[in-house]
Amino acid sequence: MNILLIGNGGREHAFAWKMKQSAKCGKLFVAPGNAGTSVIATNVPIAVDDFAQLGSFCVTQKIDLVLVGPEVPLVKGIRDYFETDERLKSILMIGPGKAGAQLEGSKDFSKQFMERHRVPTARAKTFFSNQSNEAEKYLESLPSPFVLKADGLAAGKGVVISTSLAEAKAAIREMLEEKKFGDASSKVLVEEFLDGIELSVFVLTDGKDYVILPEAKDYKRIGEGDTGPNTGGMGSVSPVPFADEAFMKRVEEKIIKPTINGLQKEGINYKGFIFIGLMNVKGEPYVIEYNARMGDPETQSVMVRIKSDFVELLTSCAKGELKNHQLEIAKNFALTVVMAAGGYPDQYEKGKIISGLEAVATAQVFHAGTKKVNDTIVSDGGRVLAITATGASLPEAQQRAYQAANAIHWPHVYFRKDIGKDVLNLIQTKMIC
């Protein structure tokens, strides 16, 4: 079958890499793609939210399946556009419509959805742009730390965690009055801080049934030891040691099933991924956030552990035939290290020549912010590469990933040196106990 993959990040390169392994994959196109996807697929210079051009391309190239990678086209309604066009409505698509994408597009909507369907989550209150004073007073009633979330899309950077009340008050004014995150922070949620360990759970649903993919843990902050500002993600690990069978059963019963049932009750026909950001609080799962797509860089660690035919899985989902679909998962460990441009997540330079890619033998290099200039690969974003390695143990995967990362160079490259360290400590502590 002919497939169009929409997006240009490390997530999309990992998707393309996995789909190309399927005998069911015919022509594979990526819009707009990056230097990595250009090696295994055909890049198409169409923006992810140019629905008219994407639709015309699908007709011309006889596309059978569309996989939407990033959140922006989902929130803007790409599925709705295709379903209301006679030429496009028969094309299979992975990704929810505008109604379902609100789970990610509006933190306020998703919080109310969780409350309506009794999904465990932190308490929160929403404030509008003219309610800075009320928000400050509400902050005074809470214990520290303070969690502030922009309501809309902010490229993974719309969450501020402050340890002091003064910092939190300054941050709420920056978000509501100065529009730190643009329209995304025209509404801000002030949320109860949950003390625990984070993990990401991924579900693929056809609206009725679902398949649970391998879980992962990501590292959002720029600095080692989880310090500094939030980023789009600096690394990931899969599996997560505390996400054992008993814990995942609680996740399924208390979170996944109520979420799928809630979508059905509200008449939302949801075909696609649901990323569930969780906090493990003393063995109980609480939802931090929903996303309407797979995470990046978690996708990279997840894809290398899936043994099943990925195109077959996607096709079953898009056709509403996921019932009894079995997913085969490798028992190995996967670890991803994100290599970023110096200065990210603030100001950074593009166009830096990347060397050493040909020397990598211990890991899979997934491209994110890259492009080809003649025969040279240069940096073209904040997060540039995602280095993913597997191993029979976490230390083995970790050693292989960092061996590969250390072989790649460009001016001012930056990556965290502690990805997986906390998980390794958990494993060692568990062994001692």
Protein backbone atom coordinates (compact mmCIF):
# COMPACT_ATOMS: atom_id res chain seq x y z
CA MET A 1 0.00 0.00 0.00
CA ASN A 2 1.09 3.60 -0.62
CA ILE A 3 1.59 5.54 2.60
CA LEU A 4 1.91 9.24 3.43
CA LEU A 5 3.57 10.04 6.75
CA ILE A 6 3.09 13.64 7.91
CA GLY A 7 5.84 15.30 9.96
CA ASN A 8 9.56 16.04 9.99
CA GLY A 9 10.94 15.03 13.40
CA GLY A 10 12.68 12.12 15.07
CA ARG A 11 9.29 10.52 15.72
CA GLU A 12 8.54 10.49 11.99
CA HIS A 13 11.95 9.08 11.07
CA ALA A 14 11.35 6.26 13.59
CA PHE A 15 7.88 5.62 12.13
CA ALA A 16 9.29 5.55 8.58
CA TRP A 17 12.10 3.22 9.65
CA LYS A 18 9.61 0.80 11.18
CA MET A 19 7.08 0.96 8.34
CA LYS A 20 9.73 0.22 5.71
CA GLN A 21 10.30 -3.15 7.40
CA SER A 22 6.77 -4.23 6.47
CA ALA A 23 6.04 -6.24 3.34
CA LYS A 24 2.77 -4.30 3.16
CA CYS A 25 4.60 -0.99 2.67
CA GLY A 26 4.70 0.08 -0.97
CA LYS A 27 5.67 3.65 -1.77
CA LEU A 28 6.39 5.68 1.37
CA PHE A 29 6.24 9.49 1.30
CA VAL A 30 7.05 11.88 4.15
CA ALA A 31 5.77 15.47 4.22
CA PRO A 32 7.96 17.39 4.67
CA GLY A 33 10.48 14.92 6.16
CA ASN A 34 14.14 15.46 7.00
CA ALA A 35 17.59 14.29 5.91
CA GLY A 36 17.07 10.93 7.59
CA THR A 37 13.69 10.14 6.03
CA SER A 38 15.04 11.08 2.59
CA VAL A 39 17.25 7.96 2.69
CA ILE A 40 14.40 5.48 3.22
CA ALA A 41 11.40 7.33 1.74
CA THR A 42 10.50 10.16 -0.63
CA ASN A 43 10.31 13.56 1.03
CA VAL A 44 7.54 15.88 -0.16
CA PRO A 45 7.90 19.65 0.44
CA ILE A 46 4.40 20.21 1.84
CA ALA A 47 3.74 21.81 5.25
CA VAL A 48 2.05 19.59 7.85
CA ASP A 49 -0.99 21.91 8.02
CA ASP A 50 -1.40 22.58 4.28
CA PHE A 51 -4.44 20.32 4.02
CA ALA A 52 -5.30 21.27 0.42
CA GLN A 53 -1.85 20.36 -0.88
CA LEU A 54 -1.68 17.20 1.21
CA GLY A 55 -5.09 16.15 -0.08
CA SER A 56 -4.17 16.77 -3.71
CA PHE A 57 -0.96 14.82 -3.25
CA CYS A 58 -2.90 11.86 -1.82
CA VAL A 59 -5.17 11.81 -4.86
CA THR A 60 -2.30 12.11 -7.35
CA GLN A 61 -0.16 9.43 -5.70
CA LYS A 62 -3.06 7.08 -4.89
CA ILE A 63 -2.30 7.09 -1.17
CA ASP A 64 -3.99 4.29 0.79
CA LEU A 65 -2.96 5.23 4.36
CA VAL A 66 -2.06 8.51 6.08
CA LEU A 67 -0.23 8.53 9.41
CA VAL A 68 -0.27 11.93 11.11
CA GLY A 69 2.81 12.34 13.31
CA PRO A 70 2.66 15.78 15.00
CA GLU A 71 -0.10 17.44 16.98
CA VAL A 72 -0.62 20.64 14.98
CA PRO A 73 -2.46 19.14 11.96
CA LEU A 74 -4.57 17.01 14.30
CA VAL A 75 -5.65 19.96 16.42
CA LYS A 76 -6.35 21.97 13.25
CA GLY A 77 -8.61 19.18 11.96
CA ILE A 78 -6.85 17.25 9.19
CA ARG A 79 -9.12 14.23 9.68
CA ASP A 80 -12.22 16.44 9.46
CA TYR A 81 -10.87 17.96 6.22
CA PHE A 82 -10.31 14.54 4.65
CA GLU A 83 -13.65 13.12 5.82
CA THR A 84 -15.64 15.98 4.28
CA ASP A 85 -13.91 15.73 0.87
CA GLU A 86 -15.39 13.15 -1.52
CA ARG A 87 -11.96 12.50 -3.06
CA LEU A 88 -10.30 11.83 0.29
CA LYS A 89 -12.82 10.32 2.71
CA SER A 90 -12.04 6.71 1.74
CA ILE A 91 -8.31 7.10 2.56
CA LEU A 92 -7.37 5.33 5.78
CA MET A 93 -5.99 7.68 8.43
CA ILE A 94 -4.31 7.33 11.82
CA GLY A 95 -5.06 10.37 13.97
CA PRO A 96 -8.20 11.71 15.68
CA GLY A 97 -10.49 14.43 14.42
CA LYS A 98 -10.60 17.93 15.87
CA ALA A 99 -12.93 16.88 18.69
CA GLY A 100 -10.65 14.09 19.88
CA ALA A 101 -7.49 16.16 19.43
CA GLN A 102 -8.81 18.53 22.11
CA LEU A 103 -7.37 16.02 24.58
CA GLU A 104 -4.04 17.58 23.67
CA GLY A 105 -5.07 20.90 22.17
CA SER A 106 -6.71 22.16 25.36
CA LYS A 107 -5.42 21.32 28.84
CA ASP A 108 -8.68 22.76 30.21
CA PHE A 109 -10.78 20.41 28.03
CA SER A 110 -8.68 17.37 28.93
CA LYS A 111 -8.82 18.16 32.65
CA GLN A 112 -12.61 18.47 32.55
CA PHE A 113 -12.80 15.26 30.47
CA MET A 114 -10.82 13.40 33.15
CA GLU A 115 -13.08 14.75 35.88
CA ARG A 116 -16.22 13.80 33.96
CA HIS A 117 -15.04 10.24 33.51
CA ARG A 118 -13.34 9.83 36.89
CA VAL A 119 -9.85 9.39 35.53
CA PRO A 120 -7.35 9.92 38.39
CA THR A 121 -5.56 13.26 37.96
CA ALA A 122 -4.22 16.22 39.93
CA ARG A 123 -6.67 18.90 41.08
CA ALA A 124 -6.52 22.07 38.99
CA LYS A 125 -8.22 25.39 38.34
CA THR A 126 -8.27 27.35 35.08
CA PHE A 127 -7.66 31.09 34.82
CA PHE A 128 -8.18 33.43 31.86
CA SER A 129 -6.02 36.33 30.64
CA ASN A 130 -7.97 38.87 32.75
CA GLN A 131 -7.68 36.82 35.95
CA SER A 132 -4.03 37.27 37.01
CA ASN A 133 -5.03 38.59 40.44
CA GLU A 134 -7.36 35.65 41.06
CA ALA A 135 -4.67 33.23 39.92
CA GLU A 136 -2.17 34.74 42.34
CA LYS A 137 -4.61 34.43 45.23
CA TYR A 138 -5.26 30.81 44.31
CA LEU A 139 -1.51 30.14 44.29
CA GLU A 140 -1.35 31.49 47.85
CA SER A 141 -3.75 28.73 48.94
CA LEU A 142 -1.52 25.94 47.59
CA PRO A 143 1.61 24.30 48.99
CA SER A 144 4.77 24.46 46.86
CA PRO A 145 5.92 23.45 44.30
CA PHE A 146 3.49 25.14 41.91
CA VAL A 147 2.54 23.75 38.50
CA LEU A 148 1.40 26.12 35.74
CA LYS A 149 0.22 24.81 32.37
CA ALA A 150 -0.57 26.79 29.23
CA ASP A 151 -3.95 25.62 27.92
CA GLY A 152 -2.95 25.29 24.27
CA LEU A 153 -0.10 23.86 22.21
CA ALA A 154 3.35 25.14 23.21
CA ALA A 155 5.71 22.61 21.57
CA GLY A 156 6.19 20.72 24.82
CA LYS A 157 7.43 23.81 26.66
CA GLY A 158 4.17 25.17 28.13
CA VAL A 159 4.59 23.74 31.62
CA VAL A 160 6.28 25.77 34.37
CA ILE A 161 7.11 24.25 37.76
CA SER A 162 8.10 26.82 40.40
CA THR A 163 9.42 26.07 43.87
CA SER A 164 8.71 29.54 45.27
CA LEU A 165 5.46 31.49 45.42
CA ALA A 166 7.15 34.63 44.08
CA GLU A 167 8.43 32.75 41.03
CA ALA A 168 5.02 31.22 40.43
CA LYS A 169 3.30 34.61 40.60
CA ALA A 170 5.79 36.10 38.15
CA ALA A 171 5.33 33.13 35.82
CA ILE A 172 1.52 33.35 35.87
CA ARG A 173 1.70 37.02 34.86
CA GLU A 174 4.20 36.23 32.10
CA MET A 175 1.85 33.58 30.76
CA LEU A 176 -1.49 35.35 31.10
CA GLU A 177 -0.58 39.01 30.58
CA GLU A 178 2.61 38.94 28.52
CA LYS A 179 1.52 35.89 26.48
CA LYS A 180 4.79 34.04 27.02
CA PHE A 181 3.45 31.13 24.99
CA GLY A 182 1.27 33.20 22.65
CA ASP A 183 -2.36 32.21 22.31
CA ALA A 184 -1.52 28.91 24.07
CA SER A 185 -1.38 30.78 27.39
CA SER A 186 -4.55 32.85 26.98
CA LYS A 187 -5.80 30.32 29.55
CA VAL A 188 -3.58 28.78 32.22
CA LEU A 189 -4.19 25.85 34.55
CA VAL A 190 -2.80 26.04 38.08
CA GLU A 191 -2.40 22.43 39.10
CA GLU A 192 -1.65 20.46 42.23
CA PHE A 193 1.92 19.11 42.24
CA LEU A 194 2.12 15.33 42.23
CA ASP A 195 5.20 13.82 43.83
CA GLY A 196 6.21 10.61 42.09
CA ILE A 197 7.93 9.11 39.05
CA GLU A 198 6.76 9.89 35.52
CA LEU A 199 6.22 7.50 32.67
CA SER A 200 4.49 7.54 29.30
CA VAL A 201 1.91 4.95 28.26
CA PHE A 202 0.88 4.68 24.61
CA VAL A 203 -2.41 3.31 23.35
CA LEU A 204 -3.53 2.78 19.78
CA THR A 205 -7.33 2.70 19.54
CA ASP A 206 -9.86 2.29 16.75
CA GLY A 207 -12.52 3.94 18.90
CA LYS A 208 -13.79 0.68 20.38
CA ASP A 209 -10.80 -1.56 21.03
CA TYR A 210 -7.18 -0.79 21.77
CA VAL A 211 -3.63 -2.08 21.87
CA ILE A 212 -1.15 -1.00 24.54
CA LEU A 213 2.32 -0.28 23.14
CA PRO A 214 5.56 -0.49 25.16
CA GLU A 215 5.74 2.14 27.90
CA ALA A 216 8.64 4.60 28.15
CA LYS A 217 10.09 7.27 30.40
CA ASP A 218 11.21 10.56 28.88
CA TYR A 219 13.48 13.34 30.14
CA LYS A 220 11.93 16.74 29.57
CA ARG A 221 14.41 19.13 31.17
CA ILE A 222 17.50 20.41 29.42
CA GLY A 223 19.94 19.88 32.32
CA GLU A 224 21.32 16.76 33.90
CA GLY A 225 19.58 15.70 37.08
CA ASP A 226 16.35 17.06 35.54
CA THR A 227 17.31 20.71 35.99
CA GLY A 228 16.64 23.78 33.87
CA PRO A 229 13.74 24.60 31.54
CA ASN A 230 11.46 22.09 29.85
CA THR A 231 12.23 20.98 26.31
CA GLY A 232 10.50 18.81 23.74
CA GLY A 233 12.40 15.89 25.31
CA MET A 234 16.09 15.08 25.76
CA GLY A 235 15.96 11.29 25.90
CA SER A 236 13.89 8.22 26.73
CA VAL A 237 14.08 4.71 28.14
CA SER A 238 11.88 1.64 27.62
CA PRO A 239 10.77 -0.45 29.46
CA VAL A 240 10.24 1.26 32.82
CA PRO A 241 11.06 -1.06 35.78
CA PHE A 242 8.21 -0.03 38.08
CA ALA A 243 5.62 -0.46 35.30
CA ASP A 244 5.22 -4.14 36.13
CA GLU A 245 2.17 -6.26 35.32
CA ALA A 246 0.30 -5.21 38.48
CA PHE A 247 0.90 -1.48 37.92
CA MET A 248 -0.03 -1.66 34.23
CA LYS A 249 -3.23 -3.50 35.15
CA ARG A 250 -4.16 -0.53 37.38
CA VAL A 251 -3.35 1.82 34.49
CA GLU A 252 -5.59 -0.16 32.17
CA GLU A 253 -8.54 -0.39 34.57
CA LYS A 254 -8.39 3.10 36.08
CA ILE A 255 -7.19 5.14 33.11
CA ILE A 256 -7.20 3.47 29.69
CA LYS A 257 -10.67 1.91 29.83
CA PRO A 258 -12.38 5.02 31.32
CA THR A 259 -10.66 7.16 28.66
CA ILE A 260 -11.81 5.01 25.73
CA ASN A 261 -15.30 4.66 27.22
CA GLY A 262 -15.42 8.42 27.86
CA LEU A 263 -14.65 9.18 24.21
CA GLN A 264 -17.42 6.80 23.14
CA LYS A 265 -19.93 8.34 25.57
CA GLU A 266 -19.15 11.81 24.24
CA GLY A 267 -19.62 10.67 20.63
CA ILE A 268 -15.98 11.20 19.70
CA ASN A 269 -14.90 8.68 17.05
CA TYR A 270 -11.22 8.38 17.89
CA LYS A 271 -8.87 6.43 15.59
CA GLY A 272 -5.25 6.94 16.53
CA PHE A 273 -2.71 7.13 19.32
CA ILE A 274 -3.38 8.34 22.83
CA PHE A 275 -0.24 9.30 24.72
CA ILE A 276 -0.96 9.17 28.45
CA GLY A 277 1.57 11.03 30.56
CA LEU A 278 1.40 9.42 34.01
CA MET A 279 2.76 9.97 37.47
CA ASN A 280 3.29 6.93 39.68
CA VAL A 281 2.36 8.20 43.14
CA LYS A 282 3.08 5.48 45.71
CA GLY A 283 2.05 2.78 43.25
CA GLU A 284 -1.09 4.52 41.99
CA PRO A 285 -1.27 6.04 38.47
CA TYR A 286 -2.41 9.65 37.94
CA VAL A 287 -2.73 11.34 34.55
CA ILE A 288 -0.57 14.41 34.05
CA GLU A 289 -1.63 14.96 30.44
CA TYR A 290 -3.02 13.41 27.29
CA ASN A 291 -1.49 13.80 23.85
CA ALA A 292 -3.28 12.89 20.65
CA ARG A 293 -0.18 11.34 19.06
CA MET A 294 2.99 9.48 19.96
CA GLY A 295 5.69 11.25 21.93
CA ASP A 296 9.12 12.33 20.74
CA PRO A 297 11.68 10.97 21.72
CA GLU A 298 9.69 8.11 23.29
CA THR A 299 8.62 6.85 19.85
CA GLN A 300 12.22 6.06 19.00
CA SER A 301 12.62 3.80 22.04
CA VAL A 302 9.20 2.23 21.49
CA MET A 303 9.58 1.46 17.76
CA VAL A 304 12.82 -0.52 18.19
CA ARG A 305 11.05 -2.83 20.68
CA ILE A 306 8.01 -3.64 18.51
CA LYS A 307 8.48 -6.93 16.64
CA SER A 308 5.05 -7.03 14.96
CA ASP A 309 4.28 -5.69 11.51
CA PHE A 310 3.64 -1.98 12.18
CA VAL A 311 1.81 -1.26 8.92
CA GLU A 312 -0.54 -4.16 9.60
CA LEU A 313 -1.23 -2.73 13.07
CA LEU A 314 -1.96 0.75 11.68
CA THR A 315 -4.22 -0.64 8.95
CA SER A 316 -6.24 -2.67 11.46
CA CYS A 317 -6.70 0.46 13.57
CA ALA A 318 -7.79 2.66 10.67
CA LYS A 319 -10.31 0.01 9.54
CA GLY A 320 -11.73 -0.41 13.05
CA GLU A 321 -10.43 -3.98 13.30
CA LEU A 322 -8.14 -3.88 16.35
CA LYS A 323 -10.21 -6.39 18.32
CA ASN A 324 -8.01 -9.33 19.38
CA HIS A 325 -4.97 -7.84 17.63
CA GLN A 326 -1.84 -9.16 19.31
CA LEU A 327 1.33 -7.09 19.56
CA GLU A 328 4.71 -8.81 19.89
CA ILE A 329 7.22 -6.87 21.98
CA ALA A 330 10.95 -7.57 22.33
CA LYS A 331 12.12 -8.10 25.90
CA ASN A 332 15.24 -5.97 25.43
CA PHE A 333 15.93 -2.46 26.72
CA ALA A 334 16.00 0.64 24.51
CA LEU A 335 17.58 4.00 25.33
CA THR A 336 17.47 7.22 23.31
CA VAL A 337 19.81 10.19 23.68
CA VAL A 338 18.75 13.45 21.99
CA MET A 339 21.58 15.53 20.53
CA ALA A 340 20.60 19.20 20.46
CA ALA A 341 21.92 22.48 19.12
CA GLY A 342 23.83 24.55 21.66
CA GLY A 343 21.51 27.08 23.28
CA TYR A 344 18.36 24.97 22.89
CA PRO A 345 15.58 25.39 24.10
CA ASP A 346 16.33 29.12 23.78
CA GLN A 347 18.29 30.70 20.92
CA TYR A 348 20.35 28.32 18.79
CA GLU A 349 22.06 28.27 15.40
CA LYS A 350 21.15 26.18 12.37
CA GLY A 351 23.20 25.10 9.38
CA LYS A 352 26.04 23.42 11.30
CA ILE A 353 27.75 20.59 9.40
CA ILE A 354 27.27 17.22 11.15
CA SER A 355 30.20 14.77 11.02
CA GLY A 356 30.71 11.23 12.25
CA LEU A 357 27.33 9.77 11.21
CA GLU A 358 29.00 7.16 9.03
CA ALA A 359 31.05 5.92 12.01
CA VAL A 360 28.02 4.92 14.10
CA ALA A 361 27.76 1.15 14.43
CA THR A 362 26.22 0.60 17.87
CA ALA A 363 22.91 2.47 17.53
CA GLN A 364 20.19 3.65 15.19
CA VAL A 365 20.46 7.36 14.33
CA PHE A 366 17.04 8.98 13.93
CA HIS A 367 17.11 12.44 12.39
CA ALA A 368 14.97 15.25 13.80
CA GLY A 369 16.17 18.78 12.95
CA THR A 370 18.33 18.02 9.90
CA LYS A 371 18.42 18.77 6.20
CA LYS A 372 20.61 17.90 3.24
CA VAL A 373 22.60 20.63 1.51
CA ASN A 374 24.11 19.02 -1.59
CA ASP A 375 25.74 15.90 -0.11
CA THR A 376 26.20 17.38 3.36
CA ILE A 377 23.87 16.92 6.34
CA VAL A 378 23.44 20.04 8.48
CA SER A 379 21.52 20.93 11.62
CA ASP A 380 18.10 22.48 11.03
CA GLY A 381 16.40 22.60 14.43
CA GLY A 382 16.80 22.61 18.18
CA ARG A 383 16.68 18.86 18.64
CA VAL A 384 18.87 17.57 15.84
CA LEU A 385 19.37 13.81 16.26
CA ALA A 386 18.00 11.00 18.44
CA ILE A 387 20.46 8.19 19.04
CA THR A 388 18.66 4.95 19.93
CA ALA A 389 20.34 1.75 21.06
CA THR A 390 19.07 -1.56 22.38
CA GLY A 391 20.63 -4.11 24.72
CA ALA A 392 19.86 -7.15 26.81
CA SER A 393 20.28 -4.87 29.83
CA LEU A 394 19.82 -1.15 30.41
CA PRO A 395 23.57 -0.57 30.97
CA GLU A 396 24.28 -2.24 27.64
CA ALA A 397 21.75 -0.06 25.78
CA GLN A 398 23.08 3.00 27.58
CA GLN A 399 26.71 2.23 26.71
CA ARG A 400 25.87 1.66 23.04
CA ALA A 401 23.83 4.86 22.76
CA TYR A 402 26.53 7.04 24.30
CA GLN A 403 29.27 5.37 22.26
CA ALA A 404 27.38 6.43 19.15
CA ALA A 405 26.58 9.93 20.43
CA ASN A 406 30.24 10.54 21.25
CA ALA A 407 31.20 9.70 17.65
CA ILE A 408 29.00 12.45 16.18
CA HIS A 409 30.06 16.10 16.13
CA TRP A 410 29.06 19.61 15.13
CA PRO A 411 29.90 23.00 16.70
CA HIS A 412 28.26 23.53 20.11
CA VAL A 413 26.46 20.16 20.12
CA TYR A 414 24.82 19.37 23.47
CA PHE A 415 23.32 16.23 24.99
CA ARG A 416 22.58 15.05 28.50
CA LYS A 417 25.02 12.48 29.88
CA ASP A 418 22.60 10.97 32.44
CA ILE A 419 19.78 9.46 30.38
CA GLY A 420 18.70 6.25 32.08
CA LYS A 421 20.73 6.86 35.23
CA ASP A 422 17.68 7.25 37.47
CA VAL A 423 16.05 4.13 36.01
CA LEU A 424 19.26 2.18 36.54
CA ASN A 425 19.31 3.34 40.17
CA LEU A 426 15.72 2.10 40.55
CA ILE A 427 16.65 -1.32 39.15
CA GLN A 428 19.67 -1.60 41.43
CA THR A 429 17.67 -0.50 44.48
CA LYS A 430 14.99 -3.08 43.67
CA MET A 431 17.66 -5.80 43.37
CA ILE A 432 19.13 -4.83 46.76
CA CYS A 433 15.69 -4.85 48.39
